[in-house]
Protein backbone atom coordinates (compact mmCIF):
# COMPACT_ATOMS: atom_id res chain seq x y z
CA UNK A 1 9.46 -1.49 13.08
CA UNK A 2 5.74 -2.16 13.47
CA UNK A 3 3.69 -1.04 10.50
CA UNK A 4 0.36 0.77 10.68
CA UNK A 5 -2.78 0.10 8.65
CA UNK A 6 -5.54 2.67 8.24
CA UNK A 7 -8.98 1.10 7.75
CA UNK A 8 -12.07 3.14 6.90
CA UNK A 9 -15.54 1.77 7.60
CA UNK A 10 -13.84 -0.25 10.32
CA UNK A 11 -16.74 -0.68 12.73
CA UNK A 12 -18.74 -3.34 10.87
CA UNK A 13 -18.84 -5.84 8.02
CA UNK A 14 -15.76 -6.38 5.87
CA UNK A 15 -14.00 -3.45 7.53
CA UNK A 16 -14.31 -5.02 10.97
CA UNK A 17 -13.05 -8.33 9.62
CA UNK A 18 -10.04 -6.48 8.21
CA UNK A 19 -9.42 -5.06 11.69
CA UNK A 20 -9.20 -8.63 12.99
CA UNK A 21 -6.89 -9.80 10.21
CA UNK A 22 -4.48 -6.87 10.25
CA UNK A 23 -4.26 -6.98 14.05
CA UNK A 24 -3.39 -10.68 13.87
CA UNK A 25 -0.80 -9.77 11.26
CA UNK A 26 0.94 -7.55 13.81
CA UNK A 27 -0.13 -4.18 12.43
CA UNK A 28 -0.96 -1.18 14.56
CA UNK A 29 -4.29 0.23 13.46
CA UNK A 30 -5.95 3.53 12.65
CA UNK A 31 -9.67 2.79 12.62
CA UNK A 32 -12.08 5.25 11.05
CA UNK A 33 -15.84 5.16 11.44
CA UNK A 34 -18.91 7.16 12.38
CA UNK A 35 -20.10 5.04 15.32
CA UNK A 36 -18.31 6.15 18.50
CA UNK A 37 -19.51 3.17 20.55
CA UNK A 38 -18.20 0.71 17.96
CA UNK A 39 -14.85 2.52 17.87
CA UNK A 40 -14.73 2.20 21.68
CA UNK A 41 -15.40 -1.52 21.32
CA UNK A 42 -12.56 -1.97 18.83
CA UNK A 43 -10.18 -0.17 21.18
CA UNK A 44 -11.16 -2.47 24.04
CA UNK A 45 -11.16 -5.75 22.10
CA UNK A 46 -7.92 -5.26 20.15
CA UNK A 47 -5.82 -4.01 23.04
CA UNK A 48 -2.83 -6.16 21.99
CA UNK A 49 -2.03 -3.67 19.19
CA UNK A 50 -1.84 0.11 19.19
CA UNK A 51 -5.19 1.56 18.15
CA UNK A 52 -5.79 5.11 16.97
CA UNK A 53 -9.48 5.80 16.59
CA UNK A 54 -10.92 8.56 14.43
CA UNK A 55 -14.63 9.30 14.43
CA UNK A 56 -15.30 10.79 11.01
CA UNK A 57 -17.98 10.79 8.33
CA UNK A 58 -16.11 10.46 5.04
CA UNK A 59 -19.22 11.33 3.05
CA UNK A 60 -18.64 14.94 4.13
CA UNK A 61 -16.29 17.06 2.01
CA UNK A 62 -12.93 17.70 3.64
CA UNK A 63 -13.07 14.68 5.96
CA UNK A 64 -10.17 12.88 4.26
CA UNK A 65 -7.93 15.92 4.64
CA UNK A 66 -8.89 16.20 8.32
CA UNK A 67 -7.85 12.57 8.88
CA UNK A 68 -4.51 13.15 7.17
CA UNK A 69 -3.83 16.31 9.17
CA UNK A 70 -4.80 14.67 12.47
CA UNK A 71 -2.44 11.76 11.87
CA UNK A 72 0.34 14.10 10.75
CA UNK A 73 0.03 16.04 14.03
CA UNK A 74 0.22 12.77 15.96
CA UNK A 75 3.31 11.72 13.98
CA UNK A 76 1.63 8.54 12.78
CA UNK A 77 2.76 7.26 9.40
CA UNK A 78 0.55 4.95 7.37
CA UNK A 79 1.97 1.89 5.63
CA UNK A 80 -1.34 0.38 4.46
CA UNK A 81 -4.47 2.28 3.41
CA UNK A 82 -7.67 0.25 3.26
CA UNK A 83 -10.38 2.35 1.62
CA UNK A 84 -13.29 0.21 2.73
CA UNK A 85 -16.05 2.71 3.58
CA UNK A 86 -18.85 2.96 1.04
CA UNK A 87 -22.57 2.53 0.51
CA UNK A 88 -25.18 1.94 -2.20
CA UNK A 89 -28.82 2.75 -2.84
CA UNK A 90 -31.52 0.84 -4.72
CA UNK A 91 -34.04 2.67 -6.88
CA UNK A 92 -34.62 4.40 -10.18
CA UNK A 93 -32.10 7.21 -10.61
CA UNK A 94 -34.55 10.12 -10.63
CA UNK A 95 -36.51 8.84 -7.62
CA UNK A 96 -33.53 8.38 -5.30
CA UNK A 97 -32.52 11.45 -3.31
CA UNK A 98 -29.95 13.49 -5.20
CA UNK A 99 -28.42 14.51 -1.88
CA UNK A 100 -27.90 10.86 -0.92
CA UNK A 101 -26.44 10.00 -4.33
CA UNK A 102 -24.05 12.95 -4.05
CA UNK A 103 -23.00 11.66 -0.61
CA UNK A 104 -22.38 8.28 -2.21
CA UNK A 105 -20.09 9.80 -4.84
CA UNK A 106 -18.27 11.77 -2.14
CA UNK A 107 -17.67 8.63 -0.07
CA UNK A 108 -17.17 5.95 -2.71
CA UNK A 109 -15.03 8.06 -5.06
CA UNK A 110 -13.79 11.36 -3.69
CA UNK A 111 -12.78 10.33 -0.16
CA UNK A 112 -11.10 7.18 -1.49
CA UNK A 113 -9.15 9.20 -4.06
CA UNK A 114 -8.15 11.86 -1.55
CA UNK A 115 -6.92 9.42 1.11
CA UNK A 116 -4.87 7.60 -1.52
CA UNK A 117 -3.39 10.91 -2.70
CA UNK A 118 -2.49 12.06 0.81
CA UNK A 119 -0.74 8.89 1.95
CA UNK A 120 0.94 7.74 -1.27
CA UNK A 121 3.86 10.26 -1.15
CA UNK A 122 5.14 8.76 2.14
CA UNK A 123 4.93 5.27 0.65
CA UNK A 124 6.93 6.47 -2.36
CA UNK A 125 9.52 8.05 -0.08
CA UNK A 126 9.92 4.77 1.83
CA UNK A 127 9.47 2.66 -1.33
CA UNK A 128 7.09 0.48 0.63
CA UNK A 129 3.34 0.32 1.12
CA UNK A 130 -0.01 -1.15 0.27
CA UNK A 131 -3.15 0.56 -1.01
CA UNK A 132 -6.38 -1.43 -0.82
CA UNK A 133 -9.49 -0.09 -2.53
CA UNK A 134 -12.83 -1.82 -2.13
CA UNK A 135 -14.76 -1.92 -5.38
CA UNK A 136 -17.37 -4.59 -6.17
CA UNK A 137 -18.38 -7.06 -8.85
CA UNK A 138 -20.66 -4.13 -9.77
CA UNK A 139 -17.56 -2.54 -11.30
CA UNK A 140 -17.73 -4.87 -14.30
CA UNK A 141 -21.07 -3.79 -15.78
CA UNK A 142 -23.71 -1.05 -15.76
CA UNK A 143 -26.29 -1.37 -12.98
CA UNK A 144 -29.83 -0.21 -13.64
CA UNK A 145 -31.69 0.55 -10.38
CA UNK A 146 -28.31 1.20 -8.73
CA UNK A 147 -26.85 3.32 -11.52
CA UNK A 148 -24.68 5.65 -9.45
CA UNK A 149 -23.40 2.91 -7.13
CA UNK A 150 -22.28 0.71 -10.02
CA UNK A 151 -20.64 3.72 -11.67
CA UNK A 152 -18.71 4.60 -8.50
CA UNK A 153 -17.34 1.08 -8.28
CA UNK A 154 -16.33 1.12 -11.96
CA UNK A 155 -14.33 4.26 -11.12
CA UNK A 156 -12.64 2.55 -8.18
CA UNK A 157 -11.56 -0.40 -10.31
CA UNK A 158 -10.31 1.73 -13.22
CA UNK A 159 -8.49 4.20 -10.95
CA UNK A 160 -6.86 1.45 -8.91
CA UNK A 161 -5.69 -0.61 -11.89
CA UNK A 162 -4.19 2.51 -13.47
CA UNK A 163 -2.42 3.43 -10.24
CA UNK A 164 -1.08 -0.10 -9.88
CA UNK A 165 0.54 0.21 -13.31
CA UNK A 166 1.98 3.64 -12.43
CA UNK A 167 3.63 2.10 -9.39
CA UNK A 168 4.94 -0.98 -11.18
CA UNK A 169 8.57 -1.57 -10.25
CA UNK A 170 8.17 0.03 -6.85
CA UNK A 171 7.59 -1.83 -3.61
CA UNK A 172 4.06 -0.44 -3.41
CA UNK A 173 1.06 -2.56 -4.31
CA UNK A 174 -2.47 -1.46 -5.20
CA UNK A 175 -5.10 -4.14 -4.68
CA UNK A 176 -8.72 -3.73 -5.74
CA UNK A 177 -11.19 -5.94 -3.89
CA UNK A 178 -14.33 -6.79 -5.87
CA UNK A 179 -16.74 -8.67 -3.62
CA UNK A 180 -20.21 -9.66 -4.68
CA UNK A 181 -23.20 -9.55 -2.34
CA UNK A 182 -21.92 -9.89 1.22
CA UNK A 183 -23.71 -10.32 4.56
CA UNK A 184 -23.04 -6.91 6.10
CA UNK A 185 -24.98 -3.77 7.03
CA UNK A 186 -24.65 -2.74 3.38
CA UNK A 187 -27.67 -4.81 2.33
CA UNK A 188 -30.05 -3.21 4.79
CA UNK A 189 -28.71 0.31 4.22
CA UNK A 190 -29.02 -0.07 0.43
CA UNK A 191 -32.43 -1.79 0.73
CA UNK A 192 -31.24 -4.75 -1.35
CA UNK A 193 -31.48 -7.61 1.16
CA UNK A 194 -34.74 -8.75 -0.47
CA UNK A 195 -33.29 -8.85 -4.00
CA UNK A 196 -32.13 -11.81 -6.09
CA UNK A 197 -28.53 -10.56 -5.96
CA UNK A 198 -28.46 -11.09 -2.18
CA UNK A 199 -29.99 -14.56 -2.21
CA UNK A 200 -26.55 -16.19 -1.99
CA UNK A 201 -24.58 -13.49 -0.18
CA UNK A 202 -21.12 -14.46 1.07
CA UNK A 203 -20.08 -14.23 4.70
CA UNK A 204 -18.03 -11.09 5.43
CA UNK A 205 -15.40 -13.13 7.27
CA UNK A 206 -14.70 -15.28 4.20
CA UNK A 207 -14.66 -12.26 1.89
CA UNK A 208 -12.11 -10.53 4.12
CA UNK A 209 -10.00 -13.69 4.46
CA UNK A 210 -9.68 -14.20 0.70
CA UNK A 211 -9.09 -10.47 0.24
CA UNK A 212 -6.37 -10.31 2.89
CA UNK A 213 -4.53 -13.23 1.30
CA UNK A 214 -4.61 -11.44 -2.05
CA UNK A 215 -3.41 -8.18 -0.47
CA UNK A 216 -0.43 -9.89 1.14
CA UNK A 217 0.47 -11.48 -2.21
CA UNK A 218 0.30 -8.08 -3.91
CA UNK A 219 -2.44 -9.07 -6.34
CA UNK A 220 -3.98 -6.25 -8.37
CA UNK A 221 -7.55 -7.52 -8.34
CA UNK A 222 -9.19 -9.92 -5.90
CA UNK A 223 -12.68 -11.28 -6.55
CA UNK A 224 -13.74 -13.39 -3.54
CA UNK A 225 -15.88 -16.43 -4.31
CA UNK A 226 -15.95 -18.73 -7.34
CA UNK A 227 -19.41 -17.59 -8.52
CA UNK A 228 -18.40 -13.95 -8.27
CA UNK A 229 -15.24 -14.63 -10.29
CA UNK A 230 -17.25 -16.42 -12.98
CA UNK A 231 -19.77 -13.58 -13.20
CA UNK A 232 -17.09 -10.90 -13.39
CA UNK A 233 -15.17 -12.67 -16.13
CA UNK A 234 -18.36 -13.39 -18.10
CA UNK A 235 -19.20 -9.67 -18.00
CA UNK A 236 -16.00 -8.94 -19.92
CA UNK A 237 -17.21 -10.89 -22.93
CA UNK A 238 -20.95 -10.21 -22.99
CA UNK A 239 -22.45 -7.12 -24.66
CA UNK A 240 -22.88 -4.34 -22.09
CA UNK A 241 -26.53 -4.01 -23.05
CA UNK A 242 -27.00 -7.63 -21.97
CA UNK A 243 -25.04 -7.26 -18.71
CA UNK A 244 -27.19 -4.22 -17.90
CA UNK A 245 -30.34 -6.33 -18.36
CA UNK A 246 -28.93 -9.04 -16.11
CA UNK A 247 -27.98 -6.52 -13.44
CA UNK A 248 -31.49 -5.04 -13.56
CA UNK A 249 -33.02 -8.49 -13.21
CA UNK A 250 -30.99 -9.46 -10.13
CA UNK A 251 -31.92 -6.13 -8.49
CA UNK A 252 -35.52 -7.35 -8.49
CA UNK A 253 -37.44 -9.19 -5.79
CA UNK A 254 -36.51 -12.77 -4.89
């Protein structure tokens, strides 16, 4: 029986690279994104697998439930959930739009949590499945000038690691991907392309490749790139006041 992977934020960046990899792996796909033209393109390019496209903005409350209900009506069961959609914003907390930061929390935390909650019961029933949550190396320390973004990614990592332990002994894996700066639309949208942190950004294709390999091996945490791994591990041992200073420094101009 052919399995189906649901990928959010599928129309660009790491999400689009996951579309390529899961399609090569023989999965049917449910692709979720806001850009209708890009969803059309995915449907045309990846015609060798069954594609279900859902145009949806997950930063809007209730969107995750709508996706679940739509797929339930279609009789499509999900074997792999890739919670990839997310965004960040650069700026001092009180100067960044509260509305935009609330949208970020809705997308990065709430939608991810809801989609996981909706699709996990089927995986438990079948005793088979994979949950993939995209966090960031930002999850390992506080992030001045991107305070809410870093906090959302810390939530994703903590939530996912806890869920992985809950599901220990079952044939269901929870993998948290923690990429560092990556060449995607994220940089421009977050206004961080000009910062020190993006001076050595990884290619999205390589990030997705390393991530996919970790997913298939059932690893709990995947940190693509040697420098990113070193930075994440160092953050575990340094005082958080120091890691906050470092994070603030790399958010500055090149």
